[in-house]
Amino acid sequence: MSIYIKKGDTVLVICGKDKGKTAKVKIVLPKKNKVVLERINIAKRHTKPSQKNAQGGVIELEKPLNCSNVMVYCPKCAKGVKVGVKILTDKTKSRFCKKCGEIIGRA
């Protein structure tokens, strides 16, 4: 299964505790079919003091989210949309919004 979401895309979360929020993609994990988003799906981790973290305490981490729970956000439609791939006149592949035809980014 190929992932149609790329690093740097703006996406809309469509289910879970952060449903309805938009965020930027930080990391794509294609083998696990997951993405890590900025300030979405935050979990708290309690750590002991160590050489790296002398203080210890509670750290907030961004956990991976399944790709099926996010949609690419179209700024023109102002909502999550399905994405298609189009070959432009200069023979480059580009992704587009299937709703309005707006070009979203390179494929």
Protein backbone atom coordinates (compact mmCIF):
# COMPACT_ATOMS: atom_id res chain seq x y z
CA MET A 1 0.00 0.00 0.00
CA SER A 2 1.50 3.33 -1.00
CA ILE A 3 1.14 6.42 1.15
CA TYR A 4 -0.16 9.51 -0.64
CA ILE A 5 0.85 11.80 2.25
CA LYS A 6 4.26 13.48 2.13
CA LYS A 7 6.42 15.21 4.74
CA GLY A 8 5.43 18.87 5.02
CA ASP A 9 1.81 18.37 3.88
CA THR A 10 -1.02 19.97 5.81
CA VAL A 11 -3.53 17.30 6.80
CA LEU A 12 -6.91 17.12 8.53
CA VAL A 13 -7.43 14.54 11.31
CA ILE A 14 -10.71 12.71 10.58
CA CYS A 15 -11.03 10.50 13.68
CA GLY A 16 -9.70 10.10 17.19
CA LYS A 17 -9.34 12.54 20.08
CA ASP A 18 -7.93 15.27 17.79
CA LYS A 19 -10.70 14.99 15.16
CA GLY A 20 -11.20 18.18 13.13
CA LYS A 21 -7.72 19.61 13.76
CA THR A 22 -5.28 20.45 10.95
CA ALA A 23 -1.55 19.91 11.31
CA LYS A 24 1.69 19.62 9.36
CA VAL A 25 3.29 16.22 8.75
CA LYS A 26 6.68 15.87 10.49
CA ILE A 27 7.56 12.23 9.71
CA VAL A 28 6.10 9.59 7.37
CA LEU A 29 6.56 5.93 8.32
CA PRO A 30 5.57 4.02 5.14
CA LYS A 31 6.40 0.51 6.42
CA LYS A 32 4.09 0.98 9.41
CA ASN A 33 1.54 3.03 7.37
CA LYS A 34 1.73 5.86 9.94
CA VAL A 35 2.48 9.59 10.13
CA VAL A 36 3.68 11.86 12.94
CA LEU A 37 1.97 15.27 13.06
CA GLU A 38 2.99 18.49 14.83
CA ARG A 39 1.18 18.88 18.20
CA ILE A 40 -1.31 16.06 17.45
CA ASN A 41 -1.73 12.74 19.34
CA ILE A 42 0.33 13.92 22.32
CA ALA A 43 1.21 11.32 24.97
CA LYS A 44 2.97 11.87 28.28
CA ARG A 45 5.96 9.75 29.20
CA HIS A 46 7.37 9.60 32.72
CA THR A 47 11.19 9.35 32.66
CA LYS A 48 13.78 8.67 35.31
CA PRO A 49 16.75 11.02 35.62
CA SER A 50 19.60 9.94 33.33
CA GLN A 51 22.76 11.40 31.80
CA LYS A 52 20.76 12.73 28.83
CA ASN A 53 17.94 14.10 30.99
CA ALA A 54 19.35 14.94 34.43
CA GLN A 55 16.05 16.33 35.72
CA GLY A 56 13.74 13.46 34.71
CA GLY A 57 9.99 14.06 34.92
CA VAL A 58 7.11 14.07 32.45
CA ILE A 59 7.88 14.50 28.73
CA GLU A 60 5.23 15.13 26.06
CA LEU A 61 5.73 13.05 22.88
CA GLU A 62 3.98 13.15 19.50
CA LYS A 63 2.90 9.58 18.76
CA PRO A 64 2.37 8.15 15.24
CA LEU A 65 -1.15 8.18 13.80
CA ASN A 66 -2.46 5.75 11.19
CA CYS A 67 -2.61 7.19 7.64
CA SER A 68 -6.26 6.16 7.34
CA ASN A 69 -7.11 8.66 10.09
CA VAL A 70 -5.91 11.73 8.16
CA MET A 71 -6.80 13.40 4.84
CA VAL A 72 -4.79 15.90 2.81
CA TYR A 73 -6.13 19.43 3.46
CA CYS A 74 -7.06 21.56 0.42
CA PRO A 75 -6.73 25.30 1.16
CA LYS A 76 -9.18 26.23 -1.63
CA CYS A 77 -11.93 23.82 -0.46
CA ALA A 78 -10.97 24.42 3.21
CA LYS A 79 -11.48 20.73 4.07
CA GLY A 80 -9.92 17.28 3.80
CA VAL A 81 -10.01 15.88 0.26
CA LYS A 82 -9.07 12.87 -1.82
CA VAL A 83 -5.94 13.32 -3.90
CA GLY A 84 -5.21 12.29 -7.48
CA VAL A 85 -2.02 12.38 -9.55
CA LYS A 86 -1.81 14.37 -12.78
CA ILE A 87 0.98 14.58 -15.36
CA LEU A 88 1.49 18.24 -16.31
CA THR A 89 2.56 19.63 -19.69
CA ASP A 90 6.22 19.80 -18.59
CA LYS A 91 6.05 16.01 -17.91
CA THR A 92 6.20 16.33 -14.10
CA LYS A 93 3.82 14.48 -11.77
CA SER A 94 1.73 16.57 -9.46
CA ARG A 95 -0.98 15.87 -6.86
CA PHE A 96 -4.35 17.59 -7.15
CA CYS A 97 -7.60 17.93 -5.19
CA LYS A 98 -10.27 15.69 -6.74
CA LYS A 99 -13.00 18.08 -5.57
CA CYS A 100 -11.86 21.40 -7.09
CA GLY A 101 -8.85 20.46 -9.27
CA GLU A 102 -6.41 22.66 -7.30
CA ILE A 103 -2.78 21.47 -7.47
CA ILE A 104 -1.58 20.56 -3.97
CA GLY A 105 2.06 19.60 -4.54
CA ARG A 106 4.53 17.38 -6.36
CA ALA A 107 3.89 13.66 -6.41
